[in-house]
Amino acid sequence: MHCIVTAGPTHEPLDEVRHLTNFSTGRLGIELGNFLSARRHRVTLLAGAQATYRGERRAEHVEIFSTTADLRARLQALAAGGADAIFHAAAVSDFAFGDVFDPAAPGKLAPIKGRKKITSRGGKLLVELLPTPKILRELRGWFPAARIAGWKFEADGGRADAIAAARRQLAECSTDLCVVNGPAYSEGFGLIGVNGPPVHLADAPALFETLEKMIP
């Protein structure tokens, strides 16, 4: 079966030398791709250029993405070939940079042009953050027959809050499963389906074994 796995962070440029990203290493998604390859699935791995995990990548086909827009374009391009399952484990930035303003005079904001490397000599700057597209919401339209699993990393609240957030994702994105983890969930992973109670999985190997069972 053909499986698409996304892993690692996107990064959004401020200028040519600085960018906005997150702490995702990409390890979980890369190791999931390795596990599925070992089980003789045909795996396409989309890995973030800023992923710090340097372990082996055994997927049949590997592509490297940069920004959220780049990852979105690569997934949309893969839609023509279809997929049996999609595991969207990438840590996609919620925001990208818009204009950067130099408050040159009181009450006036001047956008900085030609942002090769923004100098700090001028003092304080104001930066616009724009919401990025929610790729997970678009996957069902691109891959109508695929089984789709999203991820939800929750930092605030407790386990019940994390599970509730996972259920909202399922409803909003028309996905089949949500893997929830992070400080709010605490140790291990929660696997939330459209129907039935949450399933707790103690570690990554248990998660991988269970996720493979969702592949049609």
C-alpha atoms as a PDB file:
ATOM      1  CA  MET A   1       0.000   0.000   0.000  1.00  0.00           C
ATOM      2  CA  HIS A   2       1.142   3.553  -0.684  1.00  0.00           C
ATOM      3  CA  CYS A   3       1.606   5.610   2.496  1.00  0.00           C
ATOM      4  CA  ILE A   4       2.504   9.294   2.676  1.00  0.00           C
ATOM      5  CA  VAL A   5       4.226  10.416   5.888  1.00  0.00           C
ATOM      6  CA  THR A   6       5.068  14.023   6.753  1.00  0.00           C
ATOM      7  CA  ALA A   7       7.700  14.716   9.418  1.00  0.00           C
ATOM      8  CA  GLY A   8       9.552  17.618  10.988  1.00  0.00           C
ATOM      9  CA  PRO A   9       8.958  21.357  11.099  1.00  0.00           C
ATOM     10  CA  THR A  10       8.148  23.935   8.492  1.00  0.00           C
ATOM     11  CA  HIS A  11      10.137  27.174   8.600  1.00  0.00           C
ATOM     12  CA  GLU A  12       8.903  30.604   7.559  1.00  0.00           C
ATOM     13  CA  PRO A  13      11.495  33.219   6.484  1.00  0.00           C
ATOM     14  CA  LEU A  14      11.709  36.659   8.075  1.00  0.00           C
ATOM     15  CA  ASP A  15      14.527  37.631   5.735  1.00  0.00           C
ATOM     16  CA  GLU A  16      17.242  35.686   3.917  1.00  0.00           C
ATOM     17  CA  VAL A  17      19.063  34.674   7.133  1.00  0.00           C
ATOM     18  CA  ARG A  18      16.337  34.367   9.808  1.00  0.00           C
ATOM     19  CA  HIS A  19      13.208  32.267  10.037  1.00  0.00           C
ATOM     20  CA  LEU A  20      10.348  31.163  12.303  1.00  0.00           C
ATOM     21  CA  THR A  21      10.195  27.450  13.142  1.00  0.00           C
ATOM     22  CA  ASN A  22       9.548  25.100  16.080  1.00  0.00           C
ATOM     23  CA  PHE A  23      11.336  22.438  18.102  1.00  0.00           C
ATOM     24  CA  SER A  24      10.133  19.388  16.154  1.00  0.00           C
ATOM     25  CA  THR A  25      12.989  16.969  15.413  1.00  0.00           C
ATOM     26  CA  GLY A  26      11.056  14.934  12.842  1.00  0.00           C
ATOM     27  CA  ARG A  27      12.070  11.713  14.569  1.00  0.00           C
ATOM     28  CA  LEU A  28       8.599  10.262  15.137  1.00  0.00           C
ATOM     29  CA  GLY A  29       7.488  10.713  11.526  1.00  0.00           C
ATOM     30  CA  ILE A  30      10.781   9.481  10.076  1.00  0.00           C
ATOM     31  CA  GLU A  31      10.740   6.374  12.271  1.00  0.00           C
ATOM     32  CA  LEU A  32       7.099   5.747  11.352  1.00  0.00           C
ATOM     33  CA  GLY A  33       8.136   5.852   7.696  1.00  0.00           C
ATOM     34  CA  ASN A  34      10.932   3.364   8.425  1.00  0.00           C
ATOM     35  CA  PHE A  35       8.509   1.055  10.237  1.00  0.00           C
ATOM     36  CA  LEU A  36       6.025   1.089   7.359  1.00  0.00           C
ATOM     37  CA  SER A  37       8.818   0.480   4.839  1.00  0.00           C
ATOM     38  CA  ALA A  38       9.966  -2.538   6.859  1.00  0.00           C
ATOM     39  CA  ARG A  39       6.393  -3.842   6.660  1.00  0.00           C
ATOM     40  CA  ARG A  40       6.670  -3.651   2.854  1.00  0.00           C
ATOM     41  CA  HIS A  41       4.497  -0.598   2.314  1.00  0.00           C
ATOM     42  CA  ARG A  42       5.524   1.879  -0.379  1.00  0.00           C
ATOM     43  CA  VAL A  43       6.345   5.026   1.582  1.00  0.00           C
ATOM     44  CA  THR A  44       6.677   8.611   0.431  1.00  0.00           C
ATOM     45  CA  LEU A  45       8.334  10.678   3.178  1.00  0.00           C
ATOM     46  CA  LEU A  46       8.071  14.461   3.199  1.00  0.00           C
ATOM     47  CA  ALA A  47      10.674  15.680   5.709  1.00  0.00           C
ATOM     48  CA  GLY A  48      11.292  19.213   6.922  1.00  0.00           C
ATOM     49  CA  ALA A  49      14.605  20.787   5.967  1.00  0.00           C
ATOM     50  CA  GLN A  50      15.028  21.872   9.610  1.00  0.00           C
ATOM     51  CA  ALA A  51      14.401  18.397  11.077  1.00  0.00           C
ATOM     52  CA  THR A  52      17.310  17.710  13.422  1.00  0.00           C
ATOM     53  CA  TYR A  53      16.886  13.917  13.605  1.00  0.00           C
ATOM     54  CA  ARG A  54      19.644  12.394  11.479  1.00  0.00           C
ATOM     55  CA  GLY A  55      18.695   8.740  11.635  1.00  0.00           C
ATOM     56  CA  GLU A  56      18.279   6.582   8.547  1.00  0.00           C
ATOM     57  CA  ARG A  57      15.410   7.336   6.168  1.00  0.00           C
ATOM     58  CA  ARG A  58      14.284   4.124   4.491  1.00  0.00           C
ATOM     59  CA  ALA A  59      11.270   5.421   2.577  1.00  0.00           C
ATOM     60  CA  GLU A  60      11.164   4.571  -1.113  1.00  0.00           C
ATOM     61  CA  HIS A  61      10.803   8.252  -2.003  1.00  0.00           C
ATOM     62  CA  VAL A  62      11.952  11.215   0.119  1.00  0.00           C
ATOM     63  CA  GLU A  63      11.215  14.885  -0.500  1.00  0.00           C
ATOM     64  CA  ILE A  64      12.449  17.817   1.579  1.00  0.00           C
ATOM     65  CA  PHE A  65      10.080  20.700   2.301  1.00  0.00           C
ATOM     66  CA  SER A  66      10.747  24.183   3.610  1.00  0.00           C
ATOM     67  CA  THR A  67       7.750  26.463   4.218  1.00  0.00           C
ATOM     68  CA  THR A  68       4.124  25.612   4.875  1.00  0.00           C
ATOM     69  CA  ALA A  69       3.339  26.676   1.317  1.00  0.00           C
ATOM     70  CA  ASP A  70       6.033  24.326   0.003  1.00  0.00           C
ATOM     71  CA  LEU A  71       4.703  21.358   1.998  1.00  0.00           C
ATOM     72  CA  ARG A  72       1.168  22.138   0.835  1.00  0.00           C
ATOM     73  CA  ALA A  73       2.258  22.250  -2.811  1.00  0.00           C
ATOM     74  CA  ARG A  74       4.114  18.931  -2.523  1.00  0.00           C
ATOM     75  CA  LEU A  75       1.112  17.174  -0.990  1.00  0.00           C
ATOM     76  CA  GLN A  76      -1.209  18.606  -3.610  1.00  0.00           C
ATOM     77  CA  ALA A  77       1.140  17.380  -6.351  1.00  0.00           C
ATOM     78  CA  LEU A  78       1.121  13.870  -4.847  1.00  0.00           C
ATOM     79  CA  ALA A  79      -2.675  13.785  -4.995  1.00  0.00           C
ATOM     80  CA  ALA A  80      -2.572  12.931  -8.698  1.00  0.00           C
ATOM     81  CA  GLY A  81      -1.015   9.557  -7.846  1.00  0.00           C
ATOM     82  CA  GLY A  82      -3.301   8.900  -4.892  1.00  0.00           C
ATOM     83  CA  ALA A  83      -2.477   7.248  -1.571  1.00  0.00           C
ATOM     84  CA  ASP A  84      -3.931   4.554   0.635  1.00  0.00           C
ATOM     85  CA  ALA A  85      -2.989   6.255   3.908  1.00  0.00           C
ATOM     86  CA  ILE A  86      -1.607   9.626   4.999  1.00  0.00           C
ATOM     87  CA  PHE A  87       0.138  10.192   8.321  1.00  0.00           C
ATOM     88  CA  HIS A  88       0.454  13.960   8.748  1.00  0.00           C
ATOM     89  CA  ALA A  89       2.970  14.165  11.602  1.00  0.00           C
ATOM     90  CA  ALA A  90       4.742  17.325  10.403  1.00  0.00           C
ATOM     91  CA  ALA A  91       4.835  20.263  12.823  1.00  0.00           C
ATOM     92  CA  VAL A  92       3.344  22.962  10.618  1.00  0.00           C
ATOM     93  CA  SER A  93       3.784  26.569  11.691  1.00  0.00           C
ATOM     94  CA  ASP A  94       0.554  28.350  12.593  1.00  0.00           C
ATOM     95  CA  PHE A  95       1.978  31.646  11.370  1.00  0.00           C
ATOM     96  CA  ALA A  96       4.165  33.076   8.622  1.00  0.00           C
ATOM     97  CA  PHE A  97       5.682  36.531   8.446  1.00  0.00           C
ATOM     98  CA  GLY A  98       3.868  39.298   6.630  1.00  0.00           C
ATOM     99  CA  ASP A  99       5.294  42.798   6.467  1.00  0.00           C
ATOM    100  CA  VAL A 100       8.034  44.046   8.756  1.00  0.00           C
ATOM    101  CA  PHE A 101       7.478  47.645   9.770  1.00  0.00           C
ATOM    102  CA  ASP A 102       9.882  50.359  10.822  1.00  0.00           C
ATOM    103  CA  PRO A 103       7.995  52.752  13.123  1.00  0.00           C
ATOM    104  CA  ALA A 104       9.893  55.691  11.625  1.00  0.00           C
ATOM    105  CA  ALA A 105       7.579  58.347  12.996  1.00  0.00           C
ATOM    106  CA  PRO A 106       4.826  58.408  15.641  1.00  0.00           C
ATOM    107  CA  GLY A 107       1.585  57.108  14.172  1.00  0.00           C
ATOM    108  CA  LYS A 108       3.242  55.953  10.950  1.00  0.00           C
ATOM    109  CA  LEU A 109       4.399  52.471   9.960  1.00  0.00           C
ATOM    110  CA  ALA A 110       6.746  52.039   7.010  1.00  0.00           C
ATOM    111  CA  PRO A 111       7.120  48.498   5.539  1.00  0.00           C
ATOM    112  CA  ILE A 112      10.735  47.448   5.045  1.00  0.00           C
ATOM    113  CA  LYS A 113      11.510  46.584   1.429  1.00  0.00           C
ATOM    114  CA  GLY A 114      14.177  44.238   0.074  1.00  0.00           C
ATOM    115  CA  ARG A 115      14.537  42.082   3.180  1.00  0.00           C
ATOM    116  CA  LYS A 116      17.915  40.424   2.544  1.00  0.00           C
ATOM    117  CA  LYS A 117      19.111  40.896   6.133  1.00  0.00           C
ATOM    118  CA  ILE A 118      17.177  43.271   8.339  1.00  0.00           C
ATOM    119  CA  THR A 119      19.516  45.483  10.343  1.00  0.00           C
ATOM    120  CA  SER A 120      19.109  46.017  14.077  1.00  0.00           C
ATOM    121  CA  ARG A 121      20.737  49.436  13.947  1.00  0.00           C
ATOM    122  CA  GLY A 122      17.405  51.194  13.536  1.00  0.00           C
ATOM    123  CA  GLY A 123      16.041  49.890  16.830  1.00  0.00           C
ATOM    124  CA  LYS A 124      12.578  48.454  17.408  1.00  0.00           C
ATOM    125  CA  LEU A 125      10.639  46.838  14.553  1.00  0.00           C
ATOM    126  CA  LEU A 126       7.062  45.593  14.312  1.00  0.00           C
ATOM    127  CA  VAL A 127       6.444  42.257  12.609  1.00  0.00           C
ATOM    128  CA  GLU A 128       3.144  41.087  11.127  1.00  0.00           C
ATOM    129  CA  LEU A 129       2.234  37.418  11.662  1.00  0.00           C
ATOM    130  CA  LEU A 130      -0.236  35.911   9.194  1.00  0.00           C
ATOM    131  CA  PRO A 131      -2.086  32.607   9.769  1.00  0.00           C
ATOM    132  CA  THR A 132      -0.897  29.805   7.487  1.00  0.00           C
ATOM    133  CA  PRO A 133      -3.283  27.494   5.592  1.00  0.00           C
ATOM    134  CA  LYS A 134      -4.514  24.485   7.583  1.00  0.00           C
ATOM    135  CA  ILE A 135      -3.126  21.711   5.390  1.00  0.00           C
ATOM    136  CA  LEU A 136      -4.868  18.943   7.327  1.00  0.00           C
ATOM    137  CA  ARG A 137      -8.265  20.392   6.394  1.00  0.00           C
ATOM    138  CA  GLU A 138      -7.395  20.128   2.695  1.00  0.00           C
ATOM    139  CA  LEU A 139      -6.185  16.533   2.635  1.00  0.00           C
ATOM    140  CA  ARG A 140      -9.653  14.953   2.386  1.00  0.00           C
ATOM    141  CA  GLY A 141     -10.388  16.952  -0.757  1.00  0.00           C
ATOM    142  CA  TRP A 142      -7.089  15.905  -2.353  1.00  0.00           C
ATOM    143  CA  PHE A 143      -7.183  12.268  -1.185  1.00  0.00           C
ATOM    144  CA  PRO A 144     -10.886  11.372  -0.887  1.00  0.00           C
ATOM    145  CA  ALA A 145     -10.361   7.610  -0.573  1.00  0.00           C
ATOM    146  CA  ALA A 146      -7.348   7.625   1.767  1.00  0.00           C
ATOM    147  CA  ARG A 147      -7.263   6.875   5.459  1.00  0.00           C
ATOM    148  CA  ILE A 148      -5.934  10.045   7.078  1.00  0.00           C
ATOM    149  CA  ALA A 149      -4.337  10.477  10.504  1.00  0.00           C
ATOM    150  CA  GLY A 150      -3.502  13.895  11.913  1.00  0.00           C
ATOM    151  CA  TRP A 151      -1.420  14.848  14.942  1.00  0.00           C
ATOM    152  CA  LYS A 152      -2.271  17.156  17.827  1.00  0.00           C
ATOM    153  CA  PHE A 153       0.440  18.389  20.213  1.00  0.00           C
ATOM    154  CA  GLU A 154      -1.176  20.030  23.228  1.00  0.00           C
ATOM    155  CA  ALA A 155       0.727  21.990  25.864  1.00  0.00           C
ATOM    156  CA  ASP A 156      -2.051  23.515  28.001  1.00  0.00           C
ATOM    157  CA  GLY A 157      -4.577  21.803  30.237  1.00  0.00           C
ATOM    158  CA  GLY A 158      -4.789  18.120  31.074  1.00  0.00           C
ATOM    159  CA  ARG A 159      -5.419  14.844  29.280  1.00  0.00           C
ATOM    160  CA  ALA A 160      -9.163  15.448  28.947  1.00  0.00           C
ATOM    161  CA  ASP A 161      -8.473  18.809  27.295  1.00  0.00           C
ATOM    162  CA  ALA A 162      -6.017  17.212  24.867  1.00  0.00           C
ATOM    163  CA  ILE A 163      -8.519  14.515  23.904  1.00  0.00           C
ATOM    164  CA  ALA A 164     -11.232  17.145  23.398  1.00  0.00           C
ATOM    165  CA  ALA A 165      -8.892  19.069  21.076  1.00  0.00           C
ATOM    166  CA  ALA A 166      -8.256  15.869  19.113  1.00  0.00           C
ATOM    167  CA  ARG A 167     -11.988  15.298  18.693  1.00  0.00           C
ATOM    168  CA  ARG A 168     -12.410  18.865  17.402  1.00  0.00           C
ATOM    169  CA  GLN A 169      -9.684  18.196  14.849  1.00  0.00           C
ATOM    170  CA  LEU A 170     -11.473  15.067  13.629  1.00  0.00           C
ATOM    171  CA  ALA A 171     -14.719  16.989  13.184  1.00  0.00           C
ATOM    172  CA  GLU A 172     -13.148  20.020  11.507  1.00  0.00           C
ATOM    173  CA  CYS A 173     -10.780  18.167   9.167  1.00  0.00           C
ATOM    174  CA  SER A 174     -12.801  15.061   8.178  1.00  0.00           C
ATOM    175  CA  THR A 175      -9.894  12.817   9.184  1.00  0.00           C
ATOM    176  CA  ASP A 176     -10.091   9.241  10.435  1.00  0.00           C
ATOM    177  CA  LEU A 177      -7.703   9.344  13.390  1.00  0.00           C
ATOM    178  CA  CYS A 178      -5.861  11.853  15.543  1.00  0.00           C
ATOM    179  CA  VAL A 179      -2.670  11.110  17.455  1.00  0.00           C
ATOM    180  CA  VAL A 180      -2.487  13.376  20.494  1.00  0.00           C
ATOM    181  CA  ASN A 181       0.589  13.956  22.661  1.00  0.00           C
ATOM    182  CA  GLY A 182       2.475  16.697  24.479  1.00  0.00           C
ATOM    183  CA  PRO A 183       2.555  17.985  28.068  1.00  0.00           C
ATOM    184  CA  ALA A 184      -1.237  18.207  28.309  1.00  0.00           C
ATOM    185  CA  TYR A 185      -1.651  14.530  27.409  1.00  0.00           C
ATOM    186  CA  SER A 186       1.420  13.520  29.472  1.00  0.00           C
ATOM    187  CA  GLU A 187       3.383  10.320  28.790  1.00  0.00           C
ATOM    188  CA  GLY A 188       2.735   8.252  25.687  1.00  0.00           C
ATOM    189  CA  PHE A 189       0.191   8.880  22.963  1.00  0.00           C
ATOM    190  CA  GLY A 190      -3.561   8.962  22.662  1.00  0.00           C
ATOM    191  CA  LEU A 191      -5.181   7.589  19.521  1.00  0.00           C
ATOM    192  CA  ILE A 192      -8.591   9.119  18.934  1.00  0.00           C
ATOM    193  CA  GLY A 193     -10.989   7.812  16.297  1.00  0.00           C
ATOM    194  CA  VAL A 194     -14.274   9.125  14.993  1.00  0.00           C
ATOM    195  CA  ASN A 195     -16.051   6.430  16.998  1.00  0.00           C
ATOM    196  CA  GLY A 196     -15.128   4.658  20.200  1.00  0.00           C
ATOM    197  CA  PRO A 197     -13.089   5.591  23.261  1.00  0.00           C
ATOM    198  CA  PRO A 198      -9.509   6.922  23.168  1.00  0.00           C
ATOM    199  CA  VAL A 199      -6.754   4.320  23.027  1.00  0.00           C
ATOM    200  CA  HIS A 200      -3.632   4.951  25.120  1.00  0.00           C
ATOM    201  CA  LEU A 201      -0.311   3.798  23.651  1.00  0.00           C
ATOM    202  CA  ALA A 202       2.725   3.780  25.893  1.00  0.00           C
ATOM    203  CA  ASP A 203       5.448   4.406  23.324  1.00  0.00           C
ATOM    204  CA  ALA A 204       6.289   4.927  19.648  1.00  0.00           C
ATOM    205  CA  PRO A 205       6.572   1.209  18.712  1.00  0.00           C
ATOM    206  CA  ALA A 206       3.076   0.569  20.073  1.00  0.00           C
ATOM    207  CA  LEU A 207       1.808   3.600  18.171  1.00  0.00           C
ATOM    208  CA  PHE A 208       3.345   2.420  14.902  1.00  0.00           C
ATOM    209  CA  GLU A 209       1.877  -1.074  15.249  1.00  0.00           C
ATOM    210  CA  THR A 210      -1.581   0.368  15.847  1.00  0.00           C
ATOM    211  CA  LEU A 211      -1.380   2.938  13.055  1.00  0.00           C
ATOM    212  CA  GLU A 212      -0.434   0.290  10.511  1.00  0.00           C
ATOM    213  CA  LYS A 213      -3.733  -1.448  11.217  1.00  0.00           C
ATOM    214  CA  MET A 214      -5.614   1.580   9.869  1.00  0.00           C
ATOM    215  CA  ILE A 215      -4.173   1.063   6.377  1.00  0.00           C
ATOM    216  CA  PRO A 216      -6.911  -0.443   4.180  1.00  0.00           C
END
